[in-house]
Every structure is written in C-alpha cells, then in structure tokens.
Amino acid sequence: MNSIVPAGHAWLVVAASASTRTLKSTTTGIEIGRVVDEILDAFAPAPLTVPEAYRQDLQLSPVELSARYASNSVDTHPLLPVQLWRQHVQQQQTMTGYWDWVSQQLAMLAGVNRS
C-alpha cells in the first residue's frame, strides 16, 4: 500500500483523546496519529472572502488590528489563524510579521470579493 496520500484528499477523525487525533485517509485507508496542534498547523483552512462581520477590519492598520484582538486569549484574528500564517512562513510565501500578514490577506480577500 502506498504511504503517501495525494494532496486535497479527505481525512476522517476515527479516534480522539485529550490532545491527539487519529486520522484516516478516505482515499487510501492509511491511519495516522497526530497531536491536535500539528493538525491545526498542517490543515489550517484558508478563507475565500471577508465576511461582513470583519469588513471593518479592512480599514485598520496592523497595529490597530493587534490592539483590537489583543483581548482575544490567543491573540489571533478569528478569520486568519496564526497556524495559517505559520504555513505561509514555512512555505516562504511571506516574510512579514503576523499582523502585517493579516492586513495584507484581508486586503487581498476584499479585492477578490469586489471582482
């Protein structure tokens, strides 16, 4: 059996404990155990649009975004999690800090919405 699962294929959670999950590929049947944080880092979803609730964030600078969400216990934008930024950094798609990246991503998503 091939141990590599092609990108874009679905995974199911087939077992769970406090901090780990067992995932099963729906394509190959391969099962892997992962710590929840590893799963979030590897599979962080990317938004396609800016929901209405976050439209006001388009007017904010990176410093203002940070201040707005500083009360958030994880200090992250609800639409653009730190895990997604980490993926971009690891893949050398950005060299900016988290809040600068959030500001850039929001602007890009807003441009997509207008077209």
N, C-alpha and C. Protein backbone atom coordinates (compact mmCIF):
# COMPACT_ATOMS: atom_id res chain seq x y z
N MET A 1 0.84 -1.18 0.00
CA MET A 1 0.00 0.00 0.00
C MET A 1 0.89 1.24 0.00
N ASN A 2 0.52 2.24 -0.78
CA ASN A 2 1.25 3.49 -0.86
C ASN A 2 1.05 4.29 0.42
N SER A 3 2.14 4.78 1.02
CA SER A 3 2.03 5.51 2.28
C SER A 3 1.88 7.01 2.08
N ILE A 4 1.82 7.46 0.85
CA ILE A 4 1.65 8.88 0.58
C ILE A 4 0.22 9.12 0.13
N VAL A 5 -0.44 10.08 0.77
CA VAL A 5 -1.80 10.43 0.41
C VAL A 5 -1.75 11.70 -0.44
N PRO A 6 -2.33 11.67 -1.63
CA PRO A 6 -2.28 12.84 -2.50
C PRO A 6 -2.92 14.06 -1.85
N ALA A 7 -2.39 15.24 -2.16
CA ALA A 7 -2.94 16.48 -1.61
C ALA A 7 -4.38 16.65 -2.05
N GLY A 8 -5.19 17.23 -1.17
CA GLY A 8 -6.57 17.52 -1.49
C GLY A 8 -7.55 16.42 -1.16
N HIS A 9 -7.07 15.28 -0.68
CA HIS A 9 -7.97 14.19 -0.34
C HIS A 9 -8.46 14.34 1.09
N ALA A 10 -9.63 13.83 1.35
CA ALA A 10 -10.28 13.99 2.66
C ALA A 10 -9.72 13.03 3.70
N TRP A 11 -9.74 13.50 4.95
CA TRP A 11 -9.36 12.71 6.11
C TRP A 11 -10.52 12.69 7.08
N LEU A 12 -10.71 11.59 7.76
CA LEU A 12 -11.73 11.47 8.80
C LEU A 12 -11.05 11.29 10.14
N VAL A 13 -11.63 11.87 11.19
CA VAL A 13 -11.15 11.62 12.55
C VAL A 13 -11.82 10.33 13.00
N VAL A 14 -11.01 9.29 13.27
CA VAL A 14 -11.57 7.99 13.64
C VAL A 14 -11.37 7.66 15.11
N ALA A 15 -10.53 8.43 15.81
CA ALA A 15 -10.33 8.24 17.25
C ALA A 15 -9.79 9.54 17.82
N ALA A 16 -10.10 9.78 19.11
CA ALA A 16 -9.66 11.02 19.74
C ALA A 16 -9.34 10.79 21.20
N SER A 17 -8.33 11.51 21.67
CA SER A 17 -8.03 11.58 23.10
C SER A 17 -7.93 13.07 23.43
N ALA A 18 -7.49 13.41 24.62
CA ALA A 18 -7.45 14.81 25.03
C ALA A 18 -6.65 15.69 24.08
N SER A 19 -5.47 15.24 23.65
CA SER A 19 -4.63 16.11 22.82
C SER A 19 -4.24 15.49 21.48
N THR A 20 -4.72 14.30 21.17
CA THR A 20 -4.36 13.67 19.89
C THR A 20 -5.61 13.22 19.14
N ARG A 21 -5.44 13.07 17.85
CA ARG A 21 -6.50 12.55 16.99
C ARG A 21 -5.88 11.52 16.05
N THR A 22 -6.65 10.49 15.73
CA THR A 22 -6.25 9.54 14.72
C THR A 22 -7.05 9.87 13.47
N LEU A 23 -6.34 10.13 12.38
CA LEU A 23 -6.96 10.49 11.11
C LEU A 23 -6.85 9.32 10.15
N LYS A 24 -7.88 9.13 9.33
CA LYS A 24 -7.87 8.07 8.33
C LYS A 24 -8.15 8.68 6.97
N SER A 25 -7.29 8.38 6.01
CA SER A 25 -7.47 8.87 4.65
C SER A 25 -8.65 8.15 4.02
N THR A 26 -9.57 8.92 3.44
CA THR A 26 -10.71 8.30 2.76
C THR A 26 -10.30 7.72 1.41
N THR A 27 -9.12 8.08 0.95
CA THR A 27 -8.62 7.59 -0.33
C THR A 27 -7.85 6.28 -0.19
N THR A 28 -6.91 6.25 0.75
CA THR A 28 -6.02 5.09 0.86
C THR A 28 -6.30 4.22 2.07
N GLY A 29 -7.04 4.74 3.04
CA GLY A 29 -7.29 3.99 4.26
C GLY A 29 -6.17 4.09 5.28
N ILE A 30 -5.11 4.81 4.96
CA ILE A 30 -3.99 4.99 5.89
C ILE A 30 -4.47 5.74 7.12
N GLU A 31 -4.03 5.30 8.31
CA GLU A 31 -4.34 6.00 9.55
C GLU A 31 -3.06 6.59 10.12
N ILE A 32 -3.18 7.83 10.61
CA ILE A 32 -2.05 8.49 11.25
C ILE A 32 -2.51 9.11 12.56
N GLY A 33 -1.64 9.10 13.55
CA GLY A 33 -1.92 9.76 14.81
C GLY A 33 -1.21 11.10 14.84
N ARG A 34 -1.92 12.13 15.27
CA ARG A 34 -1.33 13.47 15.31
C ARG A 34 -1.79 14.22 16.55
N VAL A 35 -0.90 15.06 17.08
CA VAL A 35 -1.25 15.98 18.15
C VAL A 35 -2.12 17.06 17.52
N VAL A 36 -3.13 17.52 18.27
CA VAL A 36 -4.07 18.50 17.73
C VAL A 36 -3.37 19.72 17.14
N ASP A 37 -2.36 20.27 17.82
CA ASP A 37 -1.65 21.44 17.29
C ASP A 37 -0.99 21.16 15.94
N GLU A 38 -0.48 19.94 15.75
CA GLU A 38 0.11 19.57 14.45
C GLU A 38 -0.95 19.56 13.36
N ILE A 39 -2.14 19.08 13.71
CA ILE A 39 -3.23 19.05 12.74
C ILE A 39 -3.61 20.46 12.34
N LEU A 40 -3.73 21.34 13.33
CA LEU A 40 -4.08 22.73 13.02
C LEU A 40 -3.03 23.38 12.14
N ASP A 41 -1.75 23.10 12.42
CA ASP A 41 -0.68 23.67 11.61
C ASP A 41 -0.72 23.14 10.18
N ALA A 42 -1.01 21.86 10.02
CA ALA A 42 -0.98 21.24 8.69
C ALA A 42 -2.23 21.50 7.87
N PHE A 43 -3.37 21.65 8.54
CA PHE A 43 -4.63 21.72 7.81
C PHE A 43 -5.42 22.99 8.08
N ALA A 44 -4.75 24.08 8.44
CA ALA A 44 -5.47 25.34 8.72
C ALA A 44 -6.21 25.78 7.47
N PRO A 45 -7.51 26.01 7.58
CA PRO A 45 -8.29 26.41 6.41
C PRO A 45 -8.01 27.86 6.02
N ALA A 46 -8.03 28.12 4.75
CA ALA A 46 -7.84 29.48 4.24
C ALA A 46 -9.19 30.04 3.81
N PRO A 47 -9.54 31.24 4.28
CA PRO A 47 -10.82 31.82 3.87
C PRO A 47 -10.78 32.26 2.40
N LEU A 48 -11.95 32.35 1.80
CA LEU A 48 -12.05 32.78 0.40
C LEU A 48 -12.58 34.20 0.27
N THR A 49 -13.27 34.67 1.30
CA THR A 49 -13.87 36.00 1.28
C THR A 49 -13.75 36.62 2.67
N VAL A 50 -14.05 37.91 2.76
CA VAL A 50 -14.11 38.58 4.06
C VAL A 50 -15.58 38.67 4.45
N PRO A 51 -16.00 37.93 5.48
CA PRO A 51 -17.39 38.02 5.92
C PRO A 51 -17.73 39.43 6.39
N GLU A 52 -18.99 39.76 6.32
CA GLU A 52 -19.46 41.10 6.71
C GLU A 52 -19.00 41.48 8.11
N ALA A 53 -18.97 40.53 9.03
CA ALA A 53 -18.58 40.81 10.42
C ALA A 53 -17.16 41.35 10.54
N TYR A 54 -16.31 41.09 9.55
CA TYR A 54 -14.92 41.52 9.61
C TYR A 54 -14.59 42.63 8.60
N ARG A 55 -15.58 43.15 7.92
CA ARG A 55 -15.34 44.20 6.92
C ARG A 55 -14.69 45.44 7.52
N GLN A 56 -15.06 45.78 8.77
CA GLN A 56 -14.48 46.98 9.40
C GLN A 56 -12.97 46.81 9.60
N ASP A 57 -12.48 45.58 9.65
CA ASP A 57 -11.05 45.34 9.82
C ASP A 57 -10.23 45.81 8.62
N LEU A 58 -10.89 45.96 7.47
CA LEU A 58 -10.19 46.40 6.26
C LEU A 58 -9.63 47.81 6.41
N GLN A 59 -10.22 48.60 7.30
CA GLN A 59 -9.79 49.98 7.50
C GLN A 59 -8.69 50.11 8.54
N LEU A 60 -8.34 49.02 9.21
CA LEU A 60 -7.39 49.07 10.33
C LEU A 60 -5.97 48.74 9.89
N SER A 61 -5.01 49.40 10.52
CA SER A 61 -3.59 49.10 10.29
C SER A 61 -3.23 47.83 11.05
N PRO A 62 -2.07 47.25 10.77
CA PRO A 62 -1.64 46.07 11.54
C PRO A 62 -1.60 46.33 13.05
N VAL A 63 -1.15 47.51 13.45
CA VAL A 63 -1.10 47.84 14.89
C VAL A 63 -2.51 47.91 15.46
N GLU A 64 -3.44 48.50 14.71
CA GLU A 64 -4.83 48.60 15.17
C GLU A 64 -5.49 47.22 15.22
N LEU A 65 -5.18 46.37 14.25
CA LEU A 65 -5.71 45.00 14.28
C LEU A 65 -5.23 44.26 15.52
N SER A 66 -3.95 44.39 15.82
CA SER A 66 -3.39 43.74 17.00
C SER A 66 -4.08 44.25 18.27
N ALA A 67 -4.27 45.56 18.36
CA ALA A 67 -4.93 46.13 19.54
C ALA A 67 -6.38 45.66 19.65
N ARG A 68 -7.05 45.57 18.53
CA ARG A 68 -8.46 45.15 18.55
C ARG A 68 -8.62 43.72 19.05
N TYR A 69 -7.72 42.85 18.65
CA TYR A 69 -7.85 41.44 19.01
C TYR A 69 -6.94 41.02 20.16
N ALA A 70 -6.28 41.97 20.80
CA ALA A 70 -5.38 41.65 21.92
C ALA A 70 -6.15 41.03 23.08
N SER A 71 -7.42 41.36 23.22
CA SER A 71 -8.21 40.77 24.31
C SER A 71 -8.54 39.31 24.02
N ASN A 72 -8.38 38.90 22.78
CA ASN A 72 -8.58 37.50 22.40
C ASN A 72 -7.51 36.67 23.11
N SER A 73 -7.91 35.63 23.80
CA SER A 73 -6.96 34.85 24.62
C SER A 73 -5.82 34.25 23.82
N VAL A 74 -5.99 34.07 22.52
CA VAL A 74 -4.91 33.51 21.71
C VAL A 74 -4.24 34.56 20.82
N ASP A 75 -4.64 35.82 20.96
CA ASP A 75 -4.04 36.94 20.22
C ASP A 75 -3.92 36.63 18.73
N THR A 76 -5.04 36.29 18.12
CA THR A 76 -5.08 35.94 16.71
C THR A 76 -6.37 36.49 16.10
N HIS A 77 -6.34 36.75 14.82
CA HIS A 77 -7.55 37.21 14.14
C HIS A 77 -8.47 36.00 13.94
N PRO A 78 -9.76 36.13 14.23
CA PRO A 78 -10.67 34.98 14.12
C PRO A 78 -10.77 34.39 12.71
N LEU A 79 -10.56 35.20 11.71
CA LEU A 79 -10.67 34.73 10.33
C LEU A 79 -9.37 34.15 9.79
N LEU A 80 -8.24 34.63 10.32
CA LEU A 80 -6.93 34.24 9.81
C LEU A 80 -6.06 33.74 10.96
N PRO A 81 -6.16 32.47 11.30
CA PRO A 81 -5.44 31.94 12.46
C PRO A 81 -3.92 31.96 12.28
N VAL A 82 -3.24 32.02 13.40
CA VAL A 82 -1.77 32.01 13.40
C VAL A 82 -1.24 30.79 12.66
N GLN A 83 -1.94 29.66 12.75
CA GLN A 83 -1.48 28.44 12.07
C GLN A 83 -1.39 28.65 10.56
N LEU A 84 -2.34 29.40 10.00
CA LEU A 84 -2.31 29.66 8.56
C LEU A 84 -1.12 30.54 8.20
N TRP A 85 -0.84 31.55 9.03
CA TRP A 85 0.34 32.41 8.82
C TRP A 85 1.61 31.57 8.90
N ARG A 86 1.68 30.65 9.88
CA ARG A 86 2.87 29.79 10.01
C ARG A 86 3.09 28.97 8.75
N GLN A 87 2.00 28.47 8.17
CA GLN A 87 2.12 27.73 6.91
C GLN A 87 2.75 28.62 5.83
N HIS A 88 2.27 29.84 5.73
CA HIS A 88 2.81 30.77 4.73
C HIS A 88 4.29 31.06 4.97
N VAL A 89 4.67 31.21 6.23
CA VAL A 89 6.08 31.45 6.57
C VAL A 89 6.91 30.22 6.20
N GLN A 90 6.46 29.03 6.61
CA GLN A 90 7.21 27.80 6.33
C GLN A 90 7.36 27.56 4.83
N GLN A 91 6.35 27.95 4.06
CA GLN A 91 6.39 27.76 2.61
C GLN A 91 7.03 28.96 1.90
N GLN A 92 7.60 29.86 2.69
CA GLN A 92 8.28 31.06 2.19
C GLN A 92 7.37 31.90 1.30
N GLN A 93 6.08 31.97 1.66
CA GLN A 93 5.13 32.80 0.94
C GLN A 93 5.02 34.19 1.56
N THR A 94 5.58 34.36 2.76
CA THR A 94 5.62 35.66 3.41
C THR A 94 6.82 35.74 4.33
N MET A 95 7.30 36.95 4.51
CA MET A 95 8.37 37.18 5.47
C MET A 95 7.94 38.25 6.47
N THR A 96 6.66 38.63 6.42
CA THR A 96 6.15 39.67 7.31
C THR A 96 5.71 39.08 8.64
N GLY A 97 5.55 39.95 9.62
CA GLY A 97 5.01 39.53 10.90
C GLY A 97 3.54 39.18 10.78
N TYR A 98 3.01 38.56 11.82
CA TYR A 98 1.64 38.06 11.77
C TYR A 98 0.62 39.16 11.43
N TRP A 99 0.63 40.28 12.16
CA TRP A 99 -0.42 41.29 11.95
C TRP A 99 -0.26 42.01 10.62
N ASP A 100 0.95 42.19 10.12
CA ASP A 100 1.14 42.73 8.77
C ASP A 100 0.55 41.77 7.74
N TRP A 101 0.79 40.49 7.96
CA TRP A 101 0.26 39.46 7.06
C TRP A 101 -1.27 39.48 7.08
N VAL A 102 -1.86 39.59 8.27
CA VAL A 102 -3.33 39.64 8.38
C VAL A 102 -3.86 40.81 7.57
N SER A 103 -3.26 41.98 7.73
CA SER A 103 -3.69 43.17 7.00
C SER A 103 -3.61 42.94 5.48
N GLN A 104 -2.52 42.34 5.03
CA GLN A 104 -2.34 42.06 3.60
C GLN A 104 -3.37 41.05 3.10
N GLN A 105 -3.62 40.00 3.89
CA GLN A 105 -4.58 38.98 3.50
C GLN A 105 -6.00 39.54 3.41
N LEU A 106 -6.37 40.37 4.38
CA LEU A 106 -7.70 40.98 4.35
C LEU A 106 -7.87 41.83 3.10
N ALA A 107 -6.85 42.62 2.77
CA ALA A 107 -6.92 43.46 1.57
C ALA A 107 -7.04 42.60 0.32
N MET A 108 -6.27 41.53 0.25
CA MET A 108 -6.33 40.64 -0.90
C MET A 108 -7.71 39.99 -1.02
N LEU A 109 -8.25 39.51 0.09
CA LEU A 109 -9.57 38.89 0.08
C LEU A 109 -10.65 39.88 -0.31
N ALA A 110 -10.53 41.11 0.13
CA ALA A 110 -11.50 42.14 -0.23
C ALA A 110 -11.45 42.41 -1.73
N GLY A 111 -10.25 42.38 -2.31
CA GLY A 111 -10.12 42.55 -3.75
C GLY A 111 -10.79 41.43 -4.52
N VAL A 112 -10.68 40.22 -3.98
CA VAL A 112 -11.35 39.07 -4.60
C VAL A 112 -12.86 39.26 -4.54
N ASN A 113 -13.35 39.79 -3.43
CA ASN A 113 -14.79 40.00 -3.26
C ASN A 113 -15.36 41.01 -4.25
N ARG A 114 -14.56 42.02 -4.60
CA ARG A 114 -15.05 43.08 -5.48
C ARG A 114 -15.11 42.65 -6.94
N SER A 115 -14.37 41.63 -7.30
CA SER A 115 -14.32 41.25 -8.71
C SER A 115 -15.50 40.41 -9.13
